[in-house]
Structures are given as C-alpha cells and as structure tokens.
C-alpha cells in the first residue's frame, strides 16, 4: 500500500502547480477495504486519457506535461497492486 500511495501522491505533486493543495483521504468501506482519494489542483486528465492512464507505459499526451519525466509505469503498478483505484 505504501508504493500505491507514493505513486498517487507523487503524481499529484508532479502535475500540480507550486503552492496548491493536495488532499489525501483514507476511507474504510463496508466490505472492510480501504479507499484512498488523492485530490489536487493539477492540469487535469482528459476523458480519453482517464480510460488509459493505468495501462503499462501510457503517458498523457498533454503538451504541458512533456517536460515532466516518467516512464508511464507508476499508475500501472499502482493499479496492479491495488484493484480498488478509480478516477473521479
């Protein structure tokens, strides 16, 4: 779970403007699971990209994020480690 949380918060930091808020919430569900919500003030993700961001090596094709480094594997690994991740 620490790797999943690290990837989600790391992406929020990477793609958010400086001096903006990032909120992390942990919620236990009725089926004794843990739901993690990470909310930021970042650049956003298009509907098309939201359907693909958990694919291996997929990177959002936004011109503003081209200078941000990464291999496109962080969210893929987070999804594999935890089957309860959703995009809202």
Protein backbone atom coordinates (compact mmCIF):
# COMPACT_ATOMS: atom_id res chain seq x y z
CA UNK A 1 0.00 0.00 0.00
CA UNK A 2 2.88 2.38 0.63
CA UNK A 3 4.02 2.10 -3.01
CA UNK A 4 0.47 2.74 -4.28
CA UNK A 5 0.12 5.79 -2.03
CA UNK A 6 3.59 7.02 -3.01
CA UNK A 7 2.76 6.82 -6.74
CA UNK A 8 -0.58 8.60 -6.38
CA UNK A 9 0.76 11.42 -4.22
CA UNK A 10 3.92 11.70 -6.35
CA UNK A 11 1.84 12.21 -9.48
CA UNK A 12 -0.30 14.80 -7.72
CA UNK A 13 2.85 16.71 -6.76
CA UNK A 14 4.43 16.36 -10.23
CA UNK A 15 1.42 17.65 -12.14
CA UNK A 16 0.17 20.36 -9.77
CA UNK A 17 1.25 23.98 -9.73
CA UNK A 18 3.51 25.08 -6.88
CA UNK A 19 1.73 26.29 -3.72
CA UNK A 20 -1.54 24.45 -4.42
CA UNK A 21 -3.27 21.99 -2.13
CA UNK A 22 -3.17 18.20 -2.34
CA UNK A 23 -5.71 16.38 -0.20
CA UNK A 24 -5.31 12.72 0.75
CA UNK A 25 -8.27 10.89 2.31
CA UNK A 26 -8.40 7.35 3.63
CA UNK A 27 -11.85 5.82 3.91
CA UNK A 28 -12.75 2.35 5.16
CA UNK A 29 -15.61 0.77 3.23
CA UNK A 30 -18.38 -1.60 4.29
CA UNK A 31 -16.51 -4.58 2.85
CA UNK A 32 -13.51 -3.86 5.09
CA UNK A 33 -11.44 -2.33 2.27
CA UNK A 34 -9.52 0.91 2.24
CA UNK A 35 -10.28 3.59 -0.35
CA UNK A 36 -7.64 6.27 -0.96
CA UNK A 37 -8.67 9.55 -2.57
CA UNK A 38 -6.00 11.96 -3.80
CA UNK A 39 -7.29 15.34 -4.95
CA UNK A 40 -5.10 18.05 -6.43
CA UNK A 41 -5.28 21.31 -8.39
CA UNK A 42 -3.31 19.87 -11.30
CA UNK A 43 -3.59 20.17 -15.04
CA UNK A 44 -6.39 17.61 -15.26
CA UNK A 45 -6.77 14.49 -17.37
CA UNK A 46 -8.99 14.27 -20.45
CA UNK A 47 -11.79 11.67 -20.52
CA UNK A 48 -9.91 9.77 -23.23
CA UNK A 49 -6.74 9.64 -21.16
CA UNK A 50 -8.66 8.70 -17.98
CA UNK A 51 -9.62 5.45 -19.68
CA UNK A 52 -5.97 4.62 -20.39
CA UNK A 53 -3.80 6.06 -17.58
CA UNK A 54 -3.50 2.72 -15.80
CA UNK A 55 -2.11 0.97 -18.92
CA UNK A 56 1.54 -0.01 -18.88
CA UNK A 57 3.82 2.71 -20.34
CA UNK A 58 0.89 5.01 -21.14
CA UNK A 59 1.58 8.72 -20.74
CA UNK A 60 -0.93 11.53 -21.14
CA UNK A 61 -0.33 13.31 -24.44
CA UNK A 62 -0.76 16.80 -22.96
CA UNK A 63 1.69 19.35 -24.36
CA UNK A 64 2.08 20.90 -20.87
CA UNK A 65 3.35 17.62 -19.37
CA UNK A 66 6.01 16.81 -21.98
CA UNK A 67 8.77 18.23 -19.82
CA UNK A 68 7.74 16.06 -16.85
CA UNK A 69 9.85 12.93 -16.63
CA UNK A 70 8.49 9.44 -16.19
CA UNK A 71 8.16 6.05 -17.82
CA UNK A 72 4.38 5.67 -17.61
CA UNK A 73 4.61 2.72 -15.24
CA UNK A 74 3.74 4.25 -11.83
CA UNK A 75 -0.04 4.19 -12.17
CA UNK A 76 0.12 0.81 -13.92
CA UNK A 77 1.93 -0.64 -10.90
CA UNK A 78 -0.44 1.09 -8.51
CA UNK A 79 -3.40 -0.49 -10.31
CA UNK A 80 -1.77 -3.93 -10.26
CA UNK A 81 -1.01 -3.61 -6.55
CA UNK A 82 -4.49 -2.42 -5.71
CA UNK A 83 -7.68 -3.34 -7.55
CA UNK A 84 -9.69 -0.52 -5.98
CA UNK A 85 -8.28 2.54 -7.78
CA UNK A 86 -10.77 4.67 -9.71
CA UNK A 87 -10.54 8.05 -11.41
CA UNK A 88 -13.14 10.63 -10.38
